[in-house]
Every structure is written in structure tokens, then in C-alpha cells.
Amino acid sequence: MNKRVFVYAFAQRKIKLKEKKNDKKKGNEKMNTNLSIINTSKIRGYKNAFYAVSLILIFAISIAMAFAPTASAQMPFTTPRPTAAYASVAPLVVGVGQEATVNVWVEPLPQDAALGS
């Protein structure tokens, strides 16, 4: 066993013994974690009341949800607008293997068109 590990373990044991001694002096006792000792008769007596309250809460929340206003986040209906499509080609005469530029657009632009992209 490494000497450092032994010294550390010894120091930890000494600290635990001191804590235990101090607890006994103060009269503090550790909480018993044995669940079979806990008296659950009071908890059993309130079971029906708990179920009744939870059922009432469920009904109250469902009634509130039924009469809550619905969301109206739809886009408003727009009236149709007259549009026209255009095409432009440059140059007018193009030979085999030559490049041509074709521009196509719609006028007026749609209302939800993103002009920056």
C-alpha cells in the first residue's frame, strides 16, 4: 500500500471519529433511514382527499382550456393582384457555343418576397 494513500485513509478515519464524538456530545442522532419504522397511517387516511382534489383540479384546468380563446396567427387573405411575367435575352443573335444571358421576372413582386436575398 502506498504511504500517501495510507496516511490519507488514516486522516479520513480520524475525522469521522471526531465527527461522531461531537454528534454524541451535542445530543444529535443520525436520522433513521429504515422506512419500515415510519408511520404511514396518516398518509393512507388522506388518499381519498388527495384523489378528490386532483380530480377537481383536472376538471378545472380542462374547462379553462375549453373556453380559452384560440390562436389566430394566420396570414390575412389578400385580394388577387394582376401580375405579368417578363423575359429578356441578350444578345439578340447567339451562335453555337456562345453564351447568352436570360433574365426572367414577375411584376409586381409578391407581397412576401424577400428583396435582400
C-alpha atoms as a PDB file:
ATOM      1  CA  MET A   1       0.000   0.000   0.000  1.00  0.00           C
ATOM      2  CA  ASN A   2       1.305   3.417  -0.919  1.00  0.00           C
ATOM      3  CA  LYS A   3       2.340   5.556   2.051  1.00  0.00           C
ATOM      4  CA  ARG A   4       0.310   8.583   0.851  1.00  0.00           C
ATOM      5  CA  VAL A   5      -2.860   6.518   0.480  1.00  0.00           C
ATOM      6  CA  PHE A   6      -2.381   5.053   3.941  1.00  0.00           C
ATOM      7  CA  VAL A   7      -1.907   8.497   5.522  1.00  0.00           C
ATOM      8  CA  TYR A   8      -4.968   9.856   3.682  1.00  0.00           C
ATOM      9  CA  ALA A   9      -7.136   6.913   4.782  1.00  0.00           C
ATOM     10  CA  PHE A  10      -5.916   7.275   8.352  1.00  0.00           C
ATOM     11  CA  ALA A  11      -6.729  11.016   8.349  1.00  0.00           C
ATOM     12  CA  GLN A  12     -10.224  10.378   6.970  1.00  0.00           C
ATOM     13  CA  ARG A  13     -10.899   7.783   9.661  1.00  0.00           C
ATOM     14  CA  LYS A  14      -9.725  10.201  12.336  1.00  0.00           C
ATOM     15  CA  ILE A  15     -12.043  12.948  11.006  1.00  0.00           C
ATOM     16  CA  LYS A  16     -15.039  10.591  11.010  1.00  0.00           C
ATOM     17  CA  LEU A  17     -14.349   9.534  14.596  1.00  0.00           C
ATOM     18  CA  LYS A  18     -14.163  13.197  15.674  1.00  0.00           C
ATOM     19  CA  GLU A  19     -17.482  13.975  13.958  1.00  0.00           C
ATOM     20  CA  LYS A  20     -19.142  11.005  15.619  1.00  0.00           C
ATOM     21  CA  LYS A  21     -17.798  12.074  19.013  1.00  0.00           C
ATOM     22  CA  ASN A  22     -19.052  15.658  18.517  1.00  0.00           C
ATOM     23  CA  ASP A  23     -22.503  14.413  17.490  1.00  0.00           C
ATOM     24  CA  LYS A  24     -22.783  12.382  20.678  1.00  0.00           C
ATOM     25  CA  LYS A  25     -21.760  15.392  22.768  1.00  0.00           C
ATOM     26  CA  LYS A  26     -24.386  17.628  21.182  1.00  0.00           C
ATOM     27  CA  GLY A  27     -27.086  15.007  21.533  1.00  0.00           C
ATOM     28  CA  ASN A  28     -27.670  14.869  17.773  1.00  0.00           C
ATOM     29  CA  GLU A  29     -28.592  11.499  16.431  1.00  0.00           C
ATOM     30  CA  LYS A  30     -28.446  10.442  12.835  1.00  0.00           C
ATOM     31  CA  MET A  31     -31.821  10.155  11.118  1.00  0.00           C
ATOM     32  CA  ASN A  32     -33.067   6.607  10.888  1.00  0.00           C
ATOM     33  CA  THR A  33     -33.372   5.635   7.234  1.00  0.00           C
ATOM     34  CA  ASN A  34     -35.295   2.436   7.914  1.00  0.00           C
ATOM     35  CA  LEU A  35     -38.607   3.065   6.132  1.00  0.00           C
ATOM     36  CA  SER A  36     -40.487   0.319   7.942  1.00  0.00           C
ATOM     37  CA  ILE A  37     -40.479   2.434  11.128  1.00  0.00           C
ATOM     38  CA  ILE A  38     -42.239   5.441   9.506  1.00  0.00           C
ATOM     39  CA  ASN A  39     -45.916   5.653  10.425  1.00  0.00           C
ATOM     40  CA  THR A  40     -47.905   5.793   7.170  1.00  0.00           C
ATOM     41  CA  SER A  41     -51.412   5.592   8.608  1.00  0.00           C
ATOM     42  CA  LYS A  42     -51.921   9.375   8.280  1.00  0.00           C
ATOM     43  CA  ILE A  43     -50.799   9.262   4.670  1.00  0.00           C
ATOM     44  CA  ARG A  44     -53.286   6.487   3.891  1.00  0.00           C
ATOM     45  CA  GLY A  45     -56.119   8.461   5.505  1.00  0.00           C
ATOM     46  CA  TYR A  46     -55.599  11.400   3.128  1.00  0.00           C
ATOM     47  CA  LYS A  47     -55.544   9.291  -0.027  1.00  0.00           C
ATOM     48  CA  ASN A  48     -59.208   9.846  -0.913  1.00  0.00           C
ATOM     49  CA  ALA A  49     -58.940  13.581  -0.273  1.00  0.00           C
ATOM     50  CA  PHE A  50     -55.856  13.745  -2.453  1.00  0.00           C
ATOM     51  CA  TYR A  51     -57.634  11.974  -5.305  1.00  0.00           C
ATOM     52  CA  ALA A  52     -60.677  14.242  -4.964  1.00  0.00           C
ATOM     53  CA  VAL A  53     -58.594  17.424  -5.062  1.00  0.00           C
ATOM     54  CA  SER A  54     -56.543  16.210  -8.022  1.00  0.00           C
ATOM     55  CA  LEU A  55     -59.731  15.275  -9.924  1.00  0.00           C
ATOM     56  CA  ILE A  56     -61.227  18.711  -9.277  1.00  0.00           C
ATOM     57  CA  LEU A  57     -58.021  20.370 -10.493  1.00  0.00           C
ATOM     58  CA  ILE A  58     -58.027  18.293 -13.681  1.00  0.00           C
ATOM     59  CA  PHE A  59     -61.641  19.285 -14.398  1.00  0.00           C
ATOM     60  CA  ALA A  60     -60.943  22.950 -13.656  1.00  0.00           C
ATOM     61  CA  ILE A  61     -57.946  23.034 -15.993  1.00  0.00           C
ATOM     62  CA  SER A  62     -59.832  21.229 -18.767  1.00  0.00           C
ATOM     63  CA  ILE A  63     -62.757  23.677 -18.520  1.00  0.00           C
ATOM     64  CA  ALA A  64     -60.349  26.610 -18.661  1.00  0.00           C
ATOM     65  CA  MET A  65     -58.687  25.108 -21.752  1.00  0.00           C
ATOM     66  CA  ALA A  66     -62.064  24.522 -23.435  1.00  0.00           C
ATOM     67  CA  PHE A  67     -63.117  28.152 -23.137  1.00  0.00           C
ATOM     68  CA  ALA A  68     -59.707  29.697 -23.793  1.00  0.00           C
ATOM     69  CA  PRO A  69     -59.536  31.779 -26.975  1.00  0.00           C
ATOM     70  CA  THR A  70     -57.945  30.048 -29.917  1.00  0.00           C
ATOM     71  CA  ALA A  71     -54.830  31.427 -31.553  1.00  0.00           C
ATOM     72  CA  SER A  72     -55.417  33.460 -34.678  1.00  0.00           C
ATOM     73  CA  ALA A  73     -51.943  33.655 -36.120  1.00  0.00           C
ATOM     74  CA  GLN A  74     -52.916  33.126 -39.741  1.00  0.00           C
ATOM     75  CA  MET A  75     -51.875  35.401 -42.544  1.00  0.00           C
ATOM     76  CA  PRO A  76     -54.773  37.577 -43.657  1.00  0.00           C
ATOM     77  CA  PHE A  77     -56.281  36.744 -47.013  1.00  0.00           C
ATOM     78  CA  THR A  78     -55.106  39.183 -49.659  1.00  0.00           C
ATOM     79  CA  THR A  79     -57.034  40.049 -52.760  1.00  0.00           C
ATOM     80  CA  PRO A  80     -55.520  38.813 -56.015  1.00  0.00           C
ATOM     81  CA  ARG A  81     -53.438  41.344 -57.949  1.00  0.00           C
ATOM     82  CA  PRO A  82     -52.854  41.360 -61.673  1.00  0.00           C
ATOM     83  CA  THR A  83     -49.317  40.175 -62.435  1.00  0.00           C
ATOM     84  CA  ALA A  84     -47.230  39.766 -65.549  1.00  0.00           C
ATOM     85  CA  ALA A  85     -44.131  37.681 -66.313  1.00  0.00           C
ATOM     86  CA  TYR A  86     -41.298  39.030 -68.466  1.00  0.00           C
ATOM     87  CA  ALA A  87     -38.207  37.503 -70.104  1.00  0.00           C
ATOM     88  CA  SER A  88     -35.188  39.211 -71.631  1.00  0.00           C
ATOM     89  CA  VAL A  89     -32.326  37.674 -73.625  1.00  0.00           C
ATOM     90  CA  ALA A  90     -29.014  39.338 -74.519  1.00  0.00           C
ATOM     91  CA  PRO A  91     -27.511  39.367 -77.135  1.00  0.00           C
ATOM     92  CA  LEU A  92     -30.349  39.010 -79.618  1.00  0.00           C
ATOM     93  CA  VAL A  93     -28.370  36.812 -82.021  1.00  0.00           C
ATOM     94  CA  VAL A  94     -26.480  33.894 -80.490  1.00  0.00           C
ATOM     95  CA  GLY A  95     -24.275  31.422 -82.341  1.00  0.00           C
ATOM     96  CA  VAL A  96     -23.348  27.831 -81.494  1.00  0.00           C
ATOM     97  CA  GLY A  97     -21.128  27.697 -78.406  1.00  0.00           C
ATOM     98  CA  GLN A  98     -21.687  31.355 -77.468  1.00  0.00           C
ATOM     99  CA  GLU A  99     -23.068  32.462 -74.091  1.00  0.00           C
ATOM    100  CA  ALA A 100     -26.387  34.234 -73.622  1.00  0.00           C
ATOM    101  CA  THR A 101     -27.862  35.995 -70.591  1.00  0.00           C
ATOM    102  CA  VAL A 102     -31.508  35.263 -69.812  1.00  0.00           C
ATOM    103  CA  ASN A 103     -33.391  37.399 -67.259  1.00  0.00           C
ATOM    104  CA  VAL A 104     -36.833  36.346 -66.045  1.00  0.00           C
ATOM    105  CA  TRP A 105     -39.029  38.282 -63.567  1.00  0.00           C
ATOM    106  CA  VAL A 106     -42.584  38.785 -62.368  1.00  0.00           C
ATOM    107  CA  GLU A 107     -44.134  42.195 -61.902  1.00  0.00           C
ATOM    108  CA  PRO A 108     -45.384  43.363 -59.414  1.00  0.00           C
ATOM    109  CA  LEU A 109     -43.352  41.404 -56.862  1.00  0.00           C
ATOM    110  CA  PRO A 110     -45.248  39.114 -54.481  1.00  0.00           C
ATOM    111  CA  GLN A 111     -46.032  40.763 -51.131  1.00  0.00           C
ATOM    112  CA  ASP A 112     -43.991  38.288 -49.110  1.00  0.00           C
ATOM    113  CA  ALA A 113     -40.915  38.370 -51.374  1.00  0.00           C
ATOM    114  CA  ALA A 114     -37.586  38.866 -49.610  1.00  0.00           C
ATOM    115  CA  LEU A 115     -35.861  41.516 -51.669  1.00  0.00           C
ATOM    116  CA  GLY A 116     -32.473  41.191 -49.963  1.00  0.00           C
ATOM    117  CA  SER A 117     -31.839  37.529 -50.703  1.00  0.00           C
END
